[in-house]
């Protein structure tokens, strides 16, 4: 079983914690992670863009000049794409960008992401995160103690109001919960900070 250091909120090592092989020592599948990240980013797109083709633009029903004898190119209406106020060539239309990924591939990608982060020594496990107040400076101090000042992802087993409020104003940190943790957030983070309870929840769900 892989092991990693267990820290307290002061950043001091207070022991070690054993991690589940199935999640933190899995074989890394880059293709699965790539597919899941693509799916996540595609799902963020609204797909509501729309423009009019030449057949949908208002006007242009009358032939603009006679077919022959003018020396100009042959045209019918003035709503072709080359004219001002004309339609758009291959105009974008509302569409769905969803990329469906099988559940097994999503789980494989999650395990690969967690394993790669552990291998890169970018996972920090804290015994607990308890703040007396939802103050930004308190959370900033904790992250500084843990060496997670850049792009920290704080994973909680459930909502901790003070921690969430204290992290909200930190540009280089964000909070998430075990049930909303995703591959993109894991890979995008500089350090992944998990509480001991969050680690157990992750192992229960994904092991």
N, C-alpha and C. Protein backbone atom coordinates (compact mmCIF):
# COMPACT_ATOMS: atom_id res chain seq x y z
N UNK A 1 0.84 -1.21 0.00
CA UNK A 1 0.00 0.00 0.00
C UNK A 1 0.87 1.25 0.00
N UNK A 2 0.53 2.23 -0.84
CA UNK A 2 1.30 3.48 -0.81
C UNK A 2 1.02 4.26 0.47
N UNK A 3 2.01 4.98 0.91
CA UNK A 3 1.86 5.80 2.12
C UNK A 3 2.24 7.24 1.80
N UNK A 4 1.66 8.14 2.55
CA UNK A 4 2.03 9.54 2.44
C UNK A 4 1.98 10.18 3.81
N UNK A 5 2.65 11.29 3.96
CA UNK A 5 2.70 11.96 5.26
C UNK A 5 1.35 12.54 5.62
N UNK A 6 1.07 12.54 6.92
CA UNK A 6 -0.15 13.17 7.45
C UNK A 6 0.26 14.44 8.19
N UNK A 7 -0.35 15.55 7.80
CA UNK A 7 0.00 16.84 8.36
C UNK A 7 -1.12 17.38 9.24
N UNK A 8 -0.75 18.32 10.09
CA UNK A 8 -1.78 19.08 10.80
C UNK A 8 -1.88 20.47 10.16
N UNK A 9 -2.74 21.31 10.70
CA UNK A 9 -2.99 22.62 10.09
C UNK A 9 -1.79 23.56 10.21
N UNK A 10 -0.85 23.22 11.08
CA UNK A 10 0.37 24.03 11.20
C UNK A 10 1.44 23.61 10.19
N UNK A 11 1.14 22.57 9.41
CA UNK A 11 2.09 22.10 8.41
C UNK A 11 3.11 21.13 8.95
N UNK A 12 2.91 20.65 10.17
CA UNK A 12 3.86 19.72 10.79
C UNK A 12 3.42 18.27 10.51
N UNK A 13 4.40 17.41 10.26
CA UNK A 13 4.12 16.00 10.03
C UNK A 13 3.79 15.32 11.35
N UNK A 14 2.62 14.70 11.41
CA UNK A 14 2.21 14.04 12.66
C UNK A 14 2.10 12.52 12.50
N UNK A 15 2.48 12.03 11.33
CA UNK A 15 2.42 10.59 11.12
C UNK A 15 2.33 10.26 9.64
N UNK A 16 1.90 9.03 9.36
CA UNK A 16 1.71 8.58 7.99
C UNK A 16 0.31 8.01 7.83
N UNK A 17 -0.17 8.02 6.59
CA UNK A 17 -1.48 7.44 6.31
C UNK A 17 -1.33 6.49 5.13
N UNK A 18 -1.92 5.30 5.28
CA UNK A 18 -1.90 4.32 4.20
C UNK A 18 -3.03 4.63 3.23
N UNK A 19 -2.72 4.55 1.95
CA UNK A 19 -3.70 4.85 0.91
C UNK A 19 -4.06 3.58 0.15
N UNK A 20 -5.24 3.56 -0.40
CA UNK A 20 -5.74 2.37 -1.11
C UNK A 20 -5.02 2.18 -2.44
N UNK A 21 -4.57 0.96 -2.67
CA UNK A 21 -3.86 0.64 -3.91
C UNK A 21 -4.70 0.91 -5.14
N UNK A 22 -6.00 0.59 -5.05
CA UNK A 22 -6.87 0.68 -6.23
C UNK A 22 -6.99 2.10 -6.76
N UNK A 23 -6.80 3.08 -5.88
CA UNK A 23 -6.97 4.48 -6.29
C UNK A 23 -5.64 5.20 -6.42
N UNK A 24 -4.74 4.97 -5.48
CA UNK A 24 -3.50 5.74 -5.43
C UNK A 24 -2.28 4.99 -5.96
N UNK A 25 -2.49 3.76 -6.43
CA UNK A 25 -1.39 3.01 -7.05
C UNK A 25 -1.89 2.28 -8.29
N UNK A 26 -2.81 2.92 -8.99
CA UNK A 26 -3.38 2.34 -10.20
C UNK A 26 -2.46 2.58 -11.39
N UNK A 27 -2.66 1.79 -12.45
CA UNK A 27 -1.91 2.05 -13.68
C UNK A 27 -2.47 3.32 -14.33
N UNK A 28 -1.58 4.18 -14.77
CA UNK A 28 -1.99 5.48 -15.30
C UNK A 28 -2.36 5.36 -16.78
N UNK A 29 -3.58 5.72 -17.08
CA UNK A 29 -4.08 5.67 -18.46
C UNK A 29 -4.31 7.10 -18.96
N UNK A 30 -3.35 7.61 -19.71
CA UNK A 30 -3.44 8.99 -20.18
C UNK A 30 -4.58 9.21 -21.16
N UNK A 31 -4.88 8.20 -21.97
CA UNK A 31 -5.97 8.32 -22.94
C UNK A 31 -7.30 8.52 -22.24
N UNK A 32 -7.51 7.78 -21.15
CA UNK A 32 -8.77 7.92 -20.39
C UNK A 32 -8.87 9.30 -19.78
N UNK A 33 -7.76 9.79 -19.20
CA UNK A 33 -7.78 11.13 -18.60
C UNK A 33 -8.06 12.20 -19.66
N UNK A 34 -7.44 12.04 -20.83
CA UNK A 34 -7.64 13.00 -21.92
C UNK A 34 -9.09 13.04 -22.35
N UNK A 35 -9.70 11.88 -22.50
CA UNK A 35 -11.10 11.81 -22.93
C UNK A 35 -12.03 12.44 -21.91
N UNK A 36 -11.79 12.17 -20.64
CA UNK A 36 -12.65 12.70 -19.58
C UNK A 36 -12.51 14.23 -19.48
N UNK A 37 -11.29 14.73 -19.61
CA UNK A 37 -11.08 16.18 -19.57
C UNK A 37 -11.77 16.85 -20.77
N UNK A 38 -11.65 16.24 -21.95
CA UNK A 38 -12.34 16.77 -23.13
C UNK A 38 -13.85 16.80 -22.90
N UNK A 39 -14.38 15.74 -22.31
CA UNK A 39 -15.81 15.65 -22.03
C UNK A 39 -16.23 16.74 -21.05
N UNK A 40 -15.41 16.95 -20.01
CA UNK A 40 -15.73 17.97 -19.00
C UNK A 40 -15.74 19.37 -19.62
N UNK A 41 -14.72 19.69 -20.41
CA UNK A 41 -14.63 21.02 -21.02
C UNK A 41 -15.73 21.23 -22.05
N UNK A 42 -16.07 20.17 -22.78
CA UNK A 42 -17.14 20.29 -23.77
C UNK A 42 -18.48 20.56 -23.10
N UNK A 43 -18.67 19.97 -21.92
CA UNK A 43 -19.93 20.15 -21.21
C UNK A 43 -20.10 21.57 -20.68
N UNK A 44 -18.98 22.32 -20.59
CA UNK A 44 -19.08 23.71 -20.13
C UNK A 44 -19.58 24.64 -21.21
N UNK A 45 -19.58 24.18 -22.45
CA UNK A 45 -20.00 25.03 -23.57
C UNK A 45 -21.52 25.06 -23.65
N UNK A 46 -22.07 26.26 -23.84
CA UNK A 46 -23.52 26.41 -23.89
C UNK A 46 -24.10 25.90 -25.20
N UNK A 47 -23.38 26.10 -26.29
CA UNK A 47 -23.89 25.65 -27.58
C UNK A 47 -25.08 26.45 -28.07
N UNK A 48 -25.17 27.72 -27.67
CA UNK A 48 -26.33 28.54 -28.06
C UNK A 48 -25.99 29.52 -29.18
N UNK A 49 -24.78 29.46 -29.73
CA UNK A 49 -24.40 30.40 -30.78
C UNK A 49 -25.24 30.14 -32.03
N UNK A 50 -25.57 31.21 -32.74
CA UNK A 50 -26.39 31.06 -33.93
C UNK A 50 -26.17 32.24 -34.87
N UNK A 51 -26.11 31.96 -36.16
CA UNK A 51 -26.03 33.00 -37.18
C UNK A 51 -26.91 32.57 -38.35
N UNK A 52 -27.26 33.52 -39.22
CA UNK A 52 -28.19 33.24 -40.31
C UNK A 52 -27.44 32.91 -41.60
N UNK A 53 -27.93 31.91 -42.29
CA UNK A 53 -27.41 31.59 -43.62
C UNK A 53 -28.07 32.51 -44.64
N UNK A 54 -27.66 32.42 -45.89
CA UNK A 54 -28.21 33.31 -46.91
C UNK A 54 -29.71 33.07 -47.12
N UNK A 55 -30.16 31.89 -46.79
CA UNK A 55 -31.58 31.59 -46.94
C UNK A 55 -32.43 32.13 -45.81
N UNK A 56 -31.79 32.56 -44.73
CA UNK A 56 -32.53 33.03 -43.56
C UNK A 56 -32.47 34.54 -43.37
N UNK A 57 -31.55 35.21 -44.08
CA UNK A 57 -31.43 36.66 -43.95
C UNK A 57 -32.63 37.33 -44.63
N UNK A 58 -33.13 38.35 -43.95
CA UNK A 58 -34.29 39.05 -44.49
C UNK A 58 -33.90 39.86 -45.73
N UNK A 59 -34.78 39.88 -46.74
CA UNK A 59 -34.56 40.68 -47.94
C UNK A 59 -33.83 39.89 -49.01
N UNK A 60 -33.46 40.62 -50.08
CA UNK A 60 -32.68 40.01 -51.15
C UNK A 60 -33.48 39.16 -52.11
N UNK A 61 -34.77 39.34 -52.14
CA UNK A 61 -35.59 38.52 -53.03
C UNK A 61 -35.55 38.96 -54.47
N UNK A 62 -35.24 40.21 -54.74
CA UNK A 62 -35.25 40.74 -56.10
C UNK A 62 -33.87 40.59 -56.73
N UNK A 63 -33.85 40.22 -58.01
CA UNK A 63 -32.57 40.12 -58.73
C UNK A 63 -31.97 41.51 -58.83
N UNK A 64 -30.69 41.65 -58.45
CA UNK A 64 -30.12 42.98 -58.29
C UNK A 64 -29.82 43.67 -59.63
N UNK A 65 -29.53 42.91 -60.68
CA UNK A 65 -29.42 43.47 -62.03
C UNK A 65 -29.57 42.33 -63.03
N UNK A 66 -29.69 42.69 -64.29
CA UNK A 66 -29.98 41.66 -65.29
C UNK A 66 -28.83 40.67 -65.40
N UNK A 67 -29.18 39.49 -65.90
CA UNK A 67 -28.23 38.39 -65.95
C UNK A 67 -27.02 38.69 -66.83
N UNK A 68 -27.26 39.29 -68.02
CA UNK A 68 -26.17 39.45 -68.99
C UNK A 68 -25.98 40.91 -69.37
N UNK A 69 -24.83 41.22 -69.82
CA UNK A 69 -24.58 42.53 -70.42
C UNK A 69 -24.02 43.59 -69.48
N UNK A 70 -23.92 43.32 -68.21
CA UNK A 70 -23.40 44.35 -67.29
C UNK A 70 -21.90 44.25 -67.11
N UNK A 71 -21.33 43.12 -67.47
CA UNK A 71 -19.90 42.92 -67.24
C UNK A 71 -19.58 42.45 -65.84
N UNK A 72 -20.58 42.39 -64.97
CA UNK A 72 -20.38 41.93 -63.59
C UNK A 72 -20.68 40.45 -63.47
N UNK A 73 -20.35 39.89 -62.35
CA UNK A 73 -20.66 38.49 -62.10
C UNK A 73 -22.18 38.30 -62.03
N UNK A 74 -22.61 37.08 -62.28
CA UNK A 74 -24.05 36.79 -62.27
C UNK A 74 -24.53 36.63 -60.83
N UNK A 75 -25.50 37.45 -60.45
CA UNK A 75 -26.06 37.36 -59.10
C UNK A 75 -27.57 37.37 -59.17
N UNK A 76 -28.15 36.81 -58.12
CA UNK A 76 -29.61 36.93 -57.99
C UNK A 76 -29.90 37.96 -56.90
N UNK A 77 -29.93 37.53 -55.64
CA UNK A 77 -30.18 38.47 -54.55
C UNK A 77 -28.88 39.08 -54.03
N UNK A 78 -29.03 40.05 -53.14
CA UNK A 78 -27.85 40.68 -52.54
C UNK A 78 -27.65 40.22 -51.10
N UNK A 79 -28.10 39.01 -50.81
CA UNK A 79 -27.90 38.46 -49.46
C UNK A 79 -26.93 37.28 -49.47
N UNK A 80 -26.18 37.14 -50.56
CA UNK A 80 -25.13 36.13 -50.61
C UNK A 80 -24.01 36.53 -49.64
N UNK A 81 -23.19 35.60 -49.19
CA UNK A 81 -22.17 35.91 -48.16
C UNK A 81 -21.19 37.01 -48.54
N UNK A 82 -20.94 37.22 -49.85
CA UNK A 82 -19.95 38.22 -50.23
C UNK A 82 -20.49 39.64 -50.16
N UNK A 83 -21.79 39.79 -49.97
CA UNK A 83 -22.38 41.12 -49.88
C UNK A 83 -22.54 41.58 -48.44
N UNK A 84 -22.50 42.89 -48.25
CA UNK A 84 -22.81 43.46 -46.94
C UNK A 84 -24.24 43.11 -46.58
N UNK A 85 -24.47 42.76 -45.33
CA UNK A 85 -25.78 42.33 -44.82
C UNK A 85 -26.16 40.95 -45.36
N UNK A 86 -25.21 40.26 -45.98
CA UNK A 86 -25.51 38.92 -46.49
C UNK A 86 -25.45 37.87 -45.40
N UNK A 87 -25.79 36.65 -45.76
CA UNK A 87 -25.77 35.55 -44.80
C UNK A 87 -24.35 35.09 -44.51
N UNK A 88 -24.23 34.13 -43.61
CA UNK A 88 -22.93 33.60 -43.19
C UNK A 88 -22.74 32.22 -43.81
N UNK A 89 -21.54 32.00 -44.35
CA UNK A 89 -21.23 30.68 -44.90
C UNK A 89 -21.09 29.67 -43.77
N UNK A 90 -21.75 28.54 -43.88
CA UNK A 90 -21.71 27.50 -42.84
C UNK A 90 -21.99 28.11 -41.46
N UNK A 91 -23.08 28.84 -41.37
CA UNK A 91 -23.41 29.56 -40.14
C UNK A 91 -23.52 28.61 -38.95
N UNK A 92 -22.93 28.98 -37.80
CA UNK A 92 -23.07 28.12 -36.60
C UNK A 92 -24.51 28.09 -36.13
N UNK A 93 -24.94 26.95 -35.68
CA UNK A 93 -26.30 26.76 -35.19
C UNK A 93 -26.25 26.14 -33.79
N UNK A 94 -27.30 26.32 -32.99
CA UNK A 94 -27.31 25.69 -31.67
C UNK A 94 -27.07 24.19 -31.76
N UNK A 95 -26.18 23.71 -30.89
CA UNK A 95 -25.86 22.28 -30.92
C UNK A 95 -25.42 21.82 -29.53
N UNK A 96 -25.37 20.55 -29.37
CA UNK A 96 -24.98 19.93 -28.11
C UNK A 96 -23.55 19.44 -28.24
N UNK A 97 -22.67 19.88 -27.33
CA UNK A 97 -21.26 19.50 -27.39
C UNK A 97 -20.92 18.31 -26.50
N UNK A 98 -21.91 17.68 -25.92
CA UNK A 98 -21.66 16.61 -24.95
C UNK A 98 -20.89 15.46 -25.58
N UNK A 99 -19.86 15.01 -24.87
CA UNK A 99 -19.11 13.81 -25.25
C UNK A 99 -19.40 12.76 -24.18
N UNK A 100 -20.08 11.72 -24.56
CA UNK A 100 -20.44 10.67 -23.60
C UNK A 100 -19.25 9.77 -23.32
N UNK A 101 -19.00 9.55 -22.03
CA UNK A 101 -17.88 8.70 -21.60
C UNK A 101 -18.44 7.59 -20.72
N UNK A 102 -18.10 6.34 -21.01
CA UNK A 102 -18.58 5.23 -20.17
C UNK A 102 -18.13 5.37 -18.71
N UNK A 103 -18.93 4.85 -17.81
CA UNK A 103 -18.65 4.96 -16.38
C UNK A 103 -17.29 4.32 -16.04
N UNK A 104 -16.98 3.20 -16.66
CA UNK A 104 -15.71 2.52 -16.37
C UNK A 104 -14.52 3.39 -16.75
N UNK A 105 -14.66 4.12 -17.86
CA UNK A 105 -13.56 4.99 -18.31
C UNK A 105 -13.42 6.18 -17.36
N UNK A 106 -14.55 6.71 -16.89
CA UNK A 106 -14.50 7.83 -15.94
C UNK A 106 -13.80 7.41 -14.64
N UNK A 107 -14.12 6.21 -14.16
CA UNK A 107 -13.49 5.73 -12.94
C UNK A 107 -11.99 5.47 -13.15
N UNK A 108 -11.66 4.93 -14.32
CA UNK A 108 -10.26 4.68 -14.65
C UNK A 108 -9.48 6.00 -14.71
N UNK A 109 -10.09 7.02 -15.30
CA UNK A 109 -9.44 8.32 -15.40
C UNK A 109 -9.25 8.94 -14.02
N UNK A 110 -10.24 8.79 -13.15
CA UNK A 110 -10.14 9.34 -11.79
C UNK A 110 -8.98 8.69 -11.04
N UNK A 111 -8.89 7.36 -11.12
CA UNK A 111 -7.82 6.65 -10.42
C UNK A 111 -6.45 7.03 -11.00
N UNK A 112 -6.41 7.19 -12.32
CA UNK A 112 -5.15 7.58 -12.97
C UNK A 112 -4.72 8.97 -12.52
N UNK A 113 -5.69 9.87 -12.40
CA UNK A 113 -5.38 11.24 -11.99
C UNK A 113 -4.86 11.28 -10.55
N UNK A 114 -5.52 10.54 -9.66
CA UNK A 114 -5.09 10.52 -8.26
C UNK A 114 -3.70 9.89 -8.12
N UNK A 115 -3.48 8.81 -8.87
CA UNK A 115 -2.17 8.15 -8.82
C UNK A 115 -1.06 9.06 -9.33
N UNK A 116 -1.34 9.75 -10.44
CA UNK A 116 -0.32 10.64 -11.02
C UNK A 116 0.01 11.80 -10.07
N UNK A 117 -1.01 12.29 -9.38
CA UNK A 117 -0.77 13.38 -8.42
C UNK A 117 0.06 12.88 -7.23
N UNK A 118 -0.23 11.68 -6.76
CA UNK A 118 0.54 11.12 -5.64
C UNK A 118 1.99 10.89 -6.07
N UNK A 119 2.17 10.37 -7.27
CA UNK A 119 3.52 10.12 -7.78
C UNK A 119 4.31 11.42 -7.91
N UNK A 120 3.61 12.50 -8.21
CA UNK A 120 4.27 13.80 -8.36
C UNK A 120 4.41 14.53 -7.03
N UNK A 121 4.01 13.86 -5.94
CA UNK A 121 4.07 14.44 -4.59
C UNK A 121 3.24 15.73 -4.50
N UNK A 122 2.08 15.70 -5.14
CA UNK A 122 1.21 16.86 -5.14
C UNK A 122 -0.09 16.61 -4.39
N UNK A 123 -0.11 15.56 -3.58
CA UNK A 123 -1.26 15.29 -2.71
C UNK A 123 -0.83 15.53 -1.27
N UNK A 124 -1.61 16.33 -0.56
CA UNK A 124 -1.34 16.65 0.84
C UNK A 124 -2.54 16.21 1.66
N UNK A 125 -2.29 15.38 2.67
CA UNK A 125 -3.38 14.90 3.52
C UNK A 125 -3.27 15.59 4.88
N UNK A 126 -4.36 16.21 5.31
CA UNK A 126 -4.41 16.93 6.59
C UNK A 126 -5.33 16.15 7.53
N UNK A 127 -4.97 16.12 8.80
CA UNK A 127 -5.81 15.38 9.75
C UNK A 127 -7.22 15.98 9.82
N UNK A 128 -7.30 17.30 9.80
CA UNK A 128 -8.61 17.97 9.81
C UNK A 128 -8.44 19.43 9.41
N UNK A 129 -9.54 20.02 8.96
CA UNK A 129 -9.56 21.45 8.64
C UNK A 129 -10.70 22.08 9.43
N UNK A 130 -10.36 22.67 10.55
CA UNK A 130 -11.35 23.34 11.40
C UNK A 130 -10.92 24.79 11.61
N UNK A 131 -11.70 25.70 11.10
CA UNK A 131 -11.41 27.12 11.29
C UNK A 131 -12.43 27.72 12.24
N UNK A 132 -11.93 28.55 13.16
CA UNK A 132 -12.81 29.19 14.13
C UNK A 132 -13.77 30.17 13.45
N UNK A 133 -13.27 30.82 12.37
CA UNK A 133 -14.08 31.78 11.63
C UNK A 133 -13.86 31.59 10.14
N UNK A 134 -14.79 32.10 9.35
CA UNK A 134 -14.65 32.02 7.90
C UNK A 134 -13.82 33.17 7.38
N UNK A 135 -12.61 33.33 7.89
CA UNK A 135 -11.74 34.44 7.53
C UNK A 135 -10.71 34.00 6.48
N UNK A 136 -10.55 34.81 5.46
CA UNK A 136 -9.62 34.47 4.38
C UNK A 136 -8.20 34.30 4.89
N UNK A 137 -7.79 35.18 5.79
CA UNK A 137 -6.40 35.13 6.27
C UNK A 137 -6.11 33.83 7.02
N UNK A 138 -7.12 33.25 7.67
CA UNK A 138 -6.92 31.99 8.40
C UNK A 138 -6.63 30.85 7.42
N UNK A 139 -7.43 30.79 6.35
CA UNK A 139 -7.22 29.73 5.36
C UNK A 139 -5.93 29.95 4.59
N UNK A 140 -5.61 31.21 4.31
CA UNK A 140 -4.37 31.51 3.60
C UNK A 140 -3.17 31.04 4.42
N UNK A 141 -3.25 31.21 5.73
CA UNK A 141 -2.16 30.78 6.61
C UNK A 141 -2.02 29.26 6.60
N UNK A 142 -3.15 28.56 6.63
CA UNK A 142 -3.12 27.09 6.60
C UNK A 142 -2.48 26.59 5.31
N UNK A 143 -2.88 27.15 4.18
CA UNK A 143 -2.33 26.73 2.90
C UNK A 143 -0.84 27.06 2.79
N UNK A 144 -0.45 28.19 3.39
CA UNK A 144 0.96 28.55 3.41
C UNK A 144 1.76 27.55 4.23
N UNK A 145 1.20 27.15 5.36
CA UNK A 145 1.86 26.15 6.21
C UNK A 145 2.05 24.82 5.47
N UNK A 146 1.07 24.50 4.62
CA UNK A 146 1.10 23.21 3.91
C UNK A 146 1.88 23.29 2.61
N UNK A 147 2.34 24.48 2.25
CA UNK A 147 3.06 24.64 0.99
C UNK A 147 2.17 24.51 -0.22
N UNK A 148 0.91 24.94 -0.08
CA UNK A 148 -0.05 24.84 -1.18
C UNK A 148 -0.63 26.21 -1.50
N UNK A 149 0.26 27.12 -1.87
CA UNK A 149 -0.17 28.50 -2.11
C UNK A 149 -0.56 28.75 -3.57
N UNK A 150 -0.22 27.82 -4.46
CA UNK A 150 -0.53 28.01 -5.88
C UNK A 150 -1.49 26.93 -6.37
N UNK A 151 -2.65 27.36 -6.82
CA UNK A 151 -3.66 26.47 -7.41
C UNK A 151 -3.95 25.27 -6.51
N UNK A 152 -4.35 25.57 -5.28
CA UNK A 152 -4.67 24.50 -4.34
C UNK A 152 -6.13 24.08 -4.50
N UNK A 153 -6.34 22.78 -4.51
CA UNK A 153 -7.70 22.23 -4.53
C UNK A 153 -7.95 21.57 -3.18
N UNK A 154 -8.87 22.15 -2.41
CA UNK A 154 -9.16 21.64 -1.07
C UNK A 154 -10.38 20.73 -1.16
N UNK A 155 -10.19 19.46 -0.84
CA UNK A 155 -11.26 18.47 -0.96
C UNK A 155 -11.83 18.17 0.43
N UNK A 156 -13.13 18.38 0.57
CA UNK A 156 -13.81 18.15 1.85
C UNK A 156 -14.80 17.01 1.71
N UNK A 157 -15.02 16.24 2.80
CA UNK A 157 -16.01 15.15 2.73
C UNK A 157 -17.43 15.70 2.65
N UNK A 158 -17.66 16.85 3.24
CA UNK A 158 -18.97 17.51 3.21
C UNK A 158 -18.75 19.01 3.44
N UNK A 159 -19.81 19.78 3.33
CA UNK A 159 -19.65 21.24 3.43
C UNK A 159 -19.21 21.68 4.82
N UNK A 160 -18.10 22.40 4.86
CA UNK A 160 -17.62 23.04 6.08
C UNK A 160 -17.72 24.55 5.83
N UNK A 161 -18.72 25.16 6.41
CA UNK A 161 -19.06 26.54 6.06
C UNK A 161 -17.88 27.50 6.22
N UNK A 162 -17.17 27.40 7.34
CA UNK A 162 -16.05 28.32 7.57
C UNK A 162 -14.92 28.13 6.56
N UNK A 163 -14.64 26.88 6.22
CA UNK A 163 -13.57 26.60 5.25
C UNK A 163 -13.96 27.11 3.87
N UNK A 164 -15.20 26.88 3.48
CA UNK A 164 -15.68 27.32 2.16
C UNK A 164 -15.64 28.84 2.06
N UNK A 165 -16.12 29.52 3.11
CA UNK A 165 -16.13 30.98 3.09
C UNK A 165 -14.72 31.56 3.13
N UNK A 166 -13.85 30.93 3.89
CA UNK A 166 -12.47 31.43 4.01
C UNK A 166 -11.67 31.24 2.72
N UNK A 167 -12.04 30.24 1.93
CA UNK A 167 -11.31 29.95 0.70
C UNK A 167 -11.86 30.74 -0.49
N UNK A 168 -13.10 31.21 -0.38
CA UNK A 168 -13.78 31.82 -1.52
C UNK A 168 -13.04 33.00 -2.13
N UNK A 169 -12.37 33.78 -1.30
CA UNK A 169 -11.68 34.98 -1.80
C UNK A 169 -10.23 34.74 -2.18
N UNK A 170 -9.77 33.49 -2.08
CA UNK A 170 -8.39 33.18 -2.45
C UNK A 170 -8.33 32.83 -3.94
N UNK A 171 -7.60 33.64 -4.69
CA UNK A 171 -7.55 33.45 -6.15
C UNK A 171 -6.89 32.13 -6.53
N UNK A 172 -5.96 31.68 -5.70
CA UNK A 172 -5.19 30.48 -6.04
C UNK A 172 -5.68 29.24 -5.29
N UNK A 173 -6.93 29.25 -4.85
CA UNK A 173 -7.46 28.07 -4.15
C UNK A 173 -8.95 27.94 -4.40
N UNK A 174 -9.44 26.72 -4.35
CA UNK A 174 -10.88 26.47 -4.46
C UNK A 174 -11.21 25.22 -3.66
N UNK A 175 -12.47 25.15 -3.23
CA UNK A 175 -12.92 23.99 -2.46
C UNK A 175 -13.83 23.13 -3.32
N UNK A 176 -13.84 21.86 -3.04
CA UNK A 176 -14.76 20.95 -3.68
C UNK A 176 -15.07 19.83 -2.68
N UNK A 177 -16.04 19.01 -3.03
CA UNK A 177 -16.45 17.92 -2.13
C UNK A 177 -16.18 16.58 -2.83
N UNK A 178 -16.14 15.53 -2.05
CA UNK A 178 -15.84 14.21 -2.60
C UNK A 178 -16.83 13.85 -3.70
N UNK A 179 -18.11 14.19 -3.51
CA UNK A 179 -19.12 13.80 -4.50
C UNK A 179 -19.12 14.68 -5.75
N UNK A 180 -18.34 15.77 -5.76
CA UNK A 180 -18.25 16.62 -6.96
C UNK A 180 -16.82 16.67 -7.50
N UNK A 181 -15.93 15.91 -6.92
CA UNK A 181 -14.52 15.89 -7.35
C UNK A 181 -14.43 15.31 -8.76
N UNK A 182 -13.70 15.98 -9.65
CA UNK A 182 -13.60 15.49 -11.02
C UNK A 182 -12.15 15.51 -11.50
N UNK A 183 -11.93 14.80 -12.59
CA UNK A 183 -10.57 14.61 -13.11
C UNK A 183 -9.94 15.93 -13.53
N UNK A 184 -10.72 16.81 -14.16
CA UNK A 184 -10.18 18.09 -14.62
C UNK A 184 -9.64 18.91 -13.45
N UNK A 185 -10.42 19.02 -12.38
CA UNK A 185 -9.99 19.80 -11.22
C UNK A 185 -8.73 19.21 -10.58
N UNK A 186 -8.66 17.88 -10.55
CA UNK A 186 -7.49 17.22 -9.96
C UNK A 186 -6.23 17.54 -10.77
N UNK A 187 -6.32 17.37 -12.09
CA UNK A 187 -5.15 17.58 -12.95
C UNK A 187 -4.79 19.06 -13.05
N UNK A 188 -5.78 19.93 -12.93
CA UNK A 188 -5.55 21.36 -13.07
C UNK A 188 -4.95 21.98 -11.81
N UNK A 189 -5.05 21.27 -10.70
CA UNK A 189 -4.57 21.81 -9.42
C UNK A 189 -3.06 21.64 -9.30
N UNK A 190 -2.45 22.61 -8.60
CA UNK A 190 -1.04 22.48 -8.28
C UNK A 190 -0.84 21.50 -7.14
N UNK A 191 -1.65 21.64 -6.09
CA UNK A 191 -1.64 20.72 -4.95
C UNK A 191 -3.08 20.33 -4.62
N UNK A 192 -3.29 19.07 -4.32
CA UNK A 192 -4.61 18.58 -3.90
C UNK A 192 -4.54 18.34 -2.40
N UNK A 193 -5.30 19.12 -1.64
CA UNK A 193 -5.31 19.02 -0.18
C UNK A 193 -6.57 18.28 0.25
N UNK A 194 -6.40 17.12 0.84
CA UNK A 194 -7.52 16.31 1.31
C UNK A 194 -7.47 16.19 2.82
N UNK A 195 -8.64 16.24 3.43
CA UNK A 195 -8.69 15.90 4.86
C UNK A 195 -8.66 14.39 4.97
N UNK A 196 -8.34 13.92 6.16
CA UNK A 196 -8.29 12.48 6.39
C UNK A 196 -9.65 11.84 6.13
N UNK A 197 -10.72 12.54 6.50
CA UNK A 197 -12.07 12.03 6.27
C UNK A 197 -12.38 11.99 4.78
N UNK A 198 -11.87 12.98 4.02
CA UNK A 198 -12.11 13.01 2.58
C UNK A 198 -11.43 11.83 1.89
N UNK A 199 -10.23 11.47 2.36
CA UNK A 199 -9.52 10.32 1.79
C UNK A 199 -10.34 9.05 1.98
N UNK A 200 -10.88 8.87 3.18
CA UNK A 200 -11.68 7.68 3.45
C UNK A 200 -12.93 7.66 2.58
N UNK A 201 -13.56 8.81 2.39
CA UNK A 201 -14.77 8.88 1.54
C UNK A 201 -14.43 8.54 0.09
N UNK A 202 -13.30 9.07 -0.40
CA UNK A 202 -12.89 8.77 -1.76
C UNK A 202 -12.65 7.27 -1.93
N UNK A 203 -12.00 6.65 -0.95
CA UNK A 203 -11.72 5.21 -1.03
C UNK A 203 -13.00 4.40 -0.97
N UNK A 204 -13.97 4.84 -0.19
CA UNK A 204 -15.24 4.12 -0.12
C UNK A 204 -15.99 4.18 -1.45
N UNK A 205 -15.93 5.33 -2.10
CA UNK A 205 -16.69 5.51 -3.33
C UNK A 205 -16.02 4.86 -4.54
N UNK A 206 -14.69 4.98 -4.65
CA UNK A 206 -14.01 4.58 -5.88
C UNK A 206 -13.22 3.28 -5.79
N UNK A 207 -12.95 2.80 -4.59
CA UNK A 207 -12.12 1.58 -4.46
C UNK A 207 -12.90 0.35 -4.93
